[in-house]
Amino acid sequence: MRRYDFVFLLLSGFFLASLVLANAMVFKFVDIQLPLFGLATISAGVLPYPVTFLCTDLISELYGKKRANAIVMVGFLVSVYMLALLLLGKALPVSHLQDESIQVHYVAVFGQSTRAIFASMVAYLIAQLVDVRLYHFWRKLTNGRHLWLRNNASTMLSQLIDTIAVVVILFYGVWDWPEIGAVILASYVYKLVVAAADTPVMYVSAWLFRGIKEQSRHRNLIQEAA
């Protein structure tokens, strides 16, 4: 397999794995120490989720807007597939070989995931498409310079949209607004810290895979001329 295709598959794999794990882990909450905020409560699903934005930014940088939008849509379809199978598993009766309490445990673990995945699907699709669009807006505005700017500016705004949407959809009517607001704030601050921390990864990856970037540009020119 060529390096051009392998790197894309690698980024896509990390993107999809992080998305699925974020959906699966969303209902467990953990306390973490955040700069300036001290002890804060966030969903465990927030831990892998910023990786999805790093992956789409890298795909945007190396392969272009079309491939980035394509992987976003694949992620949406994977979420739909995951939701459908969880609902099917919930509806199917437990085997006679197992205790009926297995159904209770299944619903306890995966029953809430249907709402979580729905919330994630809505927020994810909006935020990721905004992220890709903003990334290329800043890239065009700066003539391809200032990688740190398009990486952080696109991610920080799109993750704000995502955080507000997913927490409100998940917990509206379940928690009071002060609790919802506290989780939104803590989750967003965590995402900002991760977004700033992944900037060196963007620079190192862009340097390591600069040949892929040139190959993508050459392919795009050929397609436009055809």
Protein backbone atom coordinates (compact mmCIF):
# COMPACT_ATOMS: atom_id res chain seq x y z
CA MET A 1 0.00 0.00 0.00
CA ARG A 2 1.29 3.44 -0.90
CA ARG A 3 2.15 5.90 1.87
CA TYR A 4 -0.43 8.33 0.45
CA ASP A 5 -3.27 5.86 1.05
CA PHE A 6 -1.89 4.39 4.29
CA VAL A 7 -1.70 7.75 6.09
CA PHE A 8 -5.26 8.58 5.05
CA LEU A 9 -6.49 5.21 6.35
CA LEU A 10 -4.55 5.73 9.58
CA LEU A 11 -6.07 9.17 10.19
CA SER A 12 -9.53 7.87 9.25
CA GLY A 13 -9.13 4.95 11.66
CA PHE A 14 -8.20 7.19 14.59
CA PHE A 15 -11.03 9.56 13.65
CA LEU A 16 -13.70 6.83 13.62
CA ALA A 17 -12.36 5.06 16.73
CA SER A 18 -12.35 8.32 18.69
CA LEU A 19 -15.89 9.11 17.52
CA VAL A 20 -17.27 5.69 18.52
CA LEU A 21 -15.48 5.79 21.89
CA ALA A 22 -16.79 9.30 22.60
CA ASN A 23 -20.34 8.02 22.04
CA ALA A 24 -19.78 4.93 24.19
CA MET A 25 -18.16 6.79 27.11
CA VAL A 26 -20.46 9.80 27.24
CA PHE A 27 -22.50 8.85 30.31
CA LYS A 28 -19.55 8.36 32.66
CA PHE A 29 -18.37 11.58 34.31
CA VAL A 30 -14.93 12.23 35.77
CA ASP A 31 -13.33 15.01 37.79
CA ILE A 32 -10.21 16.60 36.32
CA GLN A 33 -7.97 19.53 37.20
CA LEU A 34 -8.20 22.36 34.68
CA PRO A 35 -5.92 25.43 34.50
CA LEU A 36 -7.52 28.42 36.28
CA PHE A 37 -10.69 26.43 37.00
CA GLY A 38 -9.42 23.83 39.44
CA LEU A 39 -11.50 20.68 39.86
CA ALA A 40 -14.12 20.32 37.12
CA THR A 41 -16.56 17.62 36.01
CA ILE A 42 -16.64 16.45 32.40
CA SER A 43 -18.02 13.51 30.49
CA ALA A 44 -15.49 10.75 29.83
CA GLY A 45 -16.65 10.93 26.22
CA VAL A 46 -14.94 14.31 25.95
CA LEU A 47 -11.52 12.68 26.45
CA PRO A 48 -11.16 11.07 22.98
CA TYR A 49 -13.41 13.50 21.11
CA PRO A 50 -10.87 16.31 20.40
CA VAL A 51 -8.84 13.75 18.45
CA THR A 52 -11.58 13.80 15.79
CA PHE A 53 -10.93 17.50 15.15
CA LEU A 54 -7.18 16.95 14.98
CA CYS A 55 -7.74 14.20 12.41
CA THR A 56 -10.07 16.30 10.22
CA ASP A 57 -7.62 19.21 10.38
CA LEU A 58 -4.77 16.93 9.31
CA ILE A 59 -6.85 15.45 6.51
CA SER A 60 -7.79 18.99 5.43
CA GLU A 61 -4.15 20.03 5.46
CA LEU A 62 -2.78 16.97 3.66
CA TYR A 63 -5.61 15.82 1.41
CA GLY A 64 -7.88 18.81 0.96
CA LYS A 65 -11.44 19.87 1.75
CA LYS A 66 -13.23 17.15 -0.23
CA ARG A 67 -11.62 14.29 1.66
CA ALA A 68 -12.15 16.02 4.99
CA ASN A 69 -15.86 16.47 4.27
CA ALA A 70 -16.02 12.85 3.07
CA ILE A 71 -14.65 11.45 6.34
CA VAL A 72 -17.07 13.65 8.30
CA MET A 73 -19.99 12.13 6.38
CA VAL A 74 -18.58 8.61 6.89
CA GLY A 75 -18.43 9.33 10.63
CA PHE A 76 -22.08 10.40 10.55
CA LEU A 77 -23.09 7.19 8.77
CA VAL A 78 -21.09 5.12 11.28
CA SER A 79 -23.01 6.84 14.11
CA VAL A 80 -26.33 6.03 12.40
CA TYR A 81 -25.21 2.40 11.99
CA MET A 82 -24.14 2.22 15.63
CA LEU A 83 -27.45 3.69 16.80
CA ALA A 84 -29.48 1.24 14.69
CA LEU A 85 -27.60 -1.79 16.04
CA LEU A 86 -27.92 -0.62 19.66
CA LEU A 87 -31.69 -0.23 19.20
CA LEU A 88 -31.87 -3.67 17.58
CA GLY A 89 -29.89 -5.22 20.42
CA LYS A 90 -32.23 -3.59 22.93
CA ALA A 91 -35.33 -4.93 21.15
CA LEU A 92 -34.10 -8.53 20.78
CA PRO A 93 -35.07 -10.91 23.61
CA VAL A 94 -32.38 -12.45 25.79
CA SER A 95 -31.36 -16.02 24.96
CA HIS A 96 -32.74 -18.82 27.12
CA LEU A 97 -29.12 -19.65 27.97
CA GLN A 98 -28.74 -16.38 29.88
CA ASP A 99 -30.36 -14.88 32.93
CA GLU A 100 -33.05 -12.30 32.15
CA SER A 101 -31.15 -9.74 34.24
CA ILE A 102 -28.75 -9.44 31.29
CA GLN A 103 -31.40 -7.32 29.55
CA VAL A 104 -31.47 -4.95 32.52
CA HIS A 105 -27.70 -4.59 32.42
CA TYR A 106 -27.76 -4.10 28.64
CA VAL A 107 -30.33 -1.31 28.93
CA ALA A 108 -28.39 0.25 31.82
CA VAL A 109 -25.20 0.35 29.74
CA PHE A 110 -26.49 0.94 26.22
CA GLY A 111 -30.05 2.15 26.72
CA GLN A 112 -28.98 5.72 27.35
CA SER A 113 -26.53 5.57 24.47
CA THR A 114 -29.33 6.06 21.93
CA ARG A 115 -29.96 9.60 23.19
CA ALA A 116 -26.22 10.16 23.50
CA ILE A 117 -25.53 9.07 19.93
CA PHE A 118 -28.43 11.16 18.61
CA ALA A 119 -27.11 14.22 20.46
CA SER A 120 -23.60 13.48 19.24
CA MET A 121 -24.77 13.00 15.63
CA VAL A 122 -26.50 16.38 15.49
CA ALA A 123 -23.71 18.28 17.24
CA TYR A 124 -20.93 16.37 15.48
CA LEU A 125 -22.21 16.91 11.95
CA ILE A 126 -22.69 20.66 12.41
CA ALA A 127 -19.40 21.20 14.25
CA GLN A 128 -17.21 19.09 11.95
CA LEU A 129 -18.56 20.68 8.77
CA VAL A 130 -18.03 24.11 10.34
CA ASP A 131 -14.49 23.07 11.33
CA VAL A 132 -13.56 22.00 7.80
CA ARG A 133 -15.06 25.14 6.27
CA LEU A 134 -13.33 27.45 8.75
CA TYR A 135 -10.02 25.63 8.35
CA HIS A 136 -9.98 26.29 4.61
CA PHE A 137 -11.27 29.84 5.11
CA TRP A 138 -8.28 30.68 7.30
CA ARG A 139 -5.93 28.77 5.01
CA LYS A 140 -7.07 30.80 2.02
CA LEU A 141 -7.06 34.08 3.95
CA THR A 142 -3.44 33.59 5.07
CA ASN A 143 -2.25 32.12 1.74
CA GLY A 144 -1.35 28.83 3.39
CA ARG A 145 0.72 30.42 6.16
CA HIS A 146 0.20 30.37 9.94
CA LEU A 147 -0.77 26.73 10.38
CA TRP A 148 -1.33 27.36 14.10
CA LEU A 149 -4.01 29.95 13.29
CA ARG A 150 -6.19 27.81 11.04
CA ASN A 151 -5.73 24.79 13.30
CA ASN A 152 -6.79 26.58 16.49
CA ALA A 153 -9.26 29.13 15.12
CA SER A 154 -11.31 26.52 13.29
CA THR A 155 -11.23 23.96 16.11
CA MET A 156 -12.01 26.36 18.95
CA LEU A 157 -15.15 27.79 17.38
CA SER A 158 -16.47 24.50 16.04
CA GLN A 159 -15.91 22.77 19.38
CA LEU A 160 -17.82 25.53 21.15
CA ILE A 161 -20.78 24.81 18.87
CA ASP A 162 -20.40 21.08 19.43
CA THR A 163 -20.10 21.34 23.23
CA ILE A 164 -23.19 23.51 23.67
CA ALA A 165 -25.29 21.42 21.31
CA VAL A 166 -24.40 17.97 22.65
CA VAL A 167 -24.71 18.85 26.37
CA VAL A 168 -28.02 20.69 25.92
CA ILE A 169 -29.55 17.89 23.80
CA LEU A 170 -28.31 15.24 26.24
CA PHE A 171 -29.28 16.79 29.53
CA TYR A 172 -32.12 19.24 28.86
CA GLY A 173 -34.94 18.22 31.18
CA VAL A 174 -32.57 15.93 33.11
CA TRP A 175 -30.35 18.50 34.82
CA ASP A 176 -30.89 22.10 35.88
CA TRP A 177 -29.41 24.88 33.74
CA PRO A 178 -26.62 25.70 36.23
CA GLU A 179 -25.46 22.07 36.07
CA ILE A 180 -25.67 22.05 32.26
CA GLY A 181 -23.74 25.33 32.11
CA ALA A 182 -21.03 24.03 34.43
CA VAL A 183 -20.47 20.91 32.29
CA ILE A 184 -20.44 22.99 29.08
CA LEU A 185 -17.82 25.33 30.54
CA ALA A 186 -15.61 22.56 31.93
CA SER A 187 -15.86 20.49 28.74
CA TYR A 188 -15.03 23.45 26.53
CA VAL A 189 -12.05 24.52 28.63
CA TYR A 190 -10.70 20.97 28.41
CA LYS A 191 -11.15 21.01 24.63
CA LEU A 192 -9.37 24.39 24.40
CA VAL A 193 -6.40 22.99 26.34
CA VAL A 194 -6.23 19.94 24.07
CA ALA A 195 -6.62 22.10 20.93
CA ALA A 196 -3.68 24.25 22.01
CA ALA A 197 -1.62 21.19 22.97
CA ASP A 198 -2.11 19.46 19.61
CA THR A 199 -0.63 22.37 17.63
CA PRO A 200 2.91 20.86 17.73
CA VAL A 201 1.40 17.59 16.46
CA MET A 202 -0.04 19.49 13.49
CA TYR A 203 3.33 21.05 12.68
CA VAL A 204 5.27 17.79 13.02
CA SER A 205 2.70 15.86 10.95
CA ALA A 206 2.59 18.54 8.24
CA TRP A 207 6.40 18.37 8.03
CA LEU A 208 6.61 14.57 8.08
CA PHE A 209 3.90 14.17 5.46
CA ARG A 210 4.71 17.19 3.28
CA GLY A 211 5.19 14.84 0.32
CA ILE A 212 1.56 13.74 0.65
CA LYS A 213 0.46 17.37 0.63
CA GLU A 214 2.32 18.00 -2.62
CA GLN A 215 0.91 14.80 -4.12
CA SER A 216 -2.64 15.86 -3.19
CA ARG A 217 -2.12 19.28 -4.77
CA HIS A 218 -0.82 17.62 -7.96
CA ARG A 219 -3.80 15.25 -8.10
CA ASN A 220 -6.25 18.10 -7.62
CA LEU A 221 -4.66 20.07 -10.46
CA ILE A 222 -4.95 17.04 -12.75
CA GLN A 223 -8.63 16.55 -11.83
CA GLU A 224 -9.41 20.23 -12.42
CA ALA A 225 -7.69 20.13 -15.81
CA ALA A 226 -9.52 16.96 -16.88
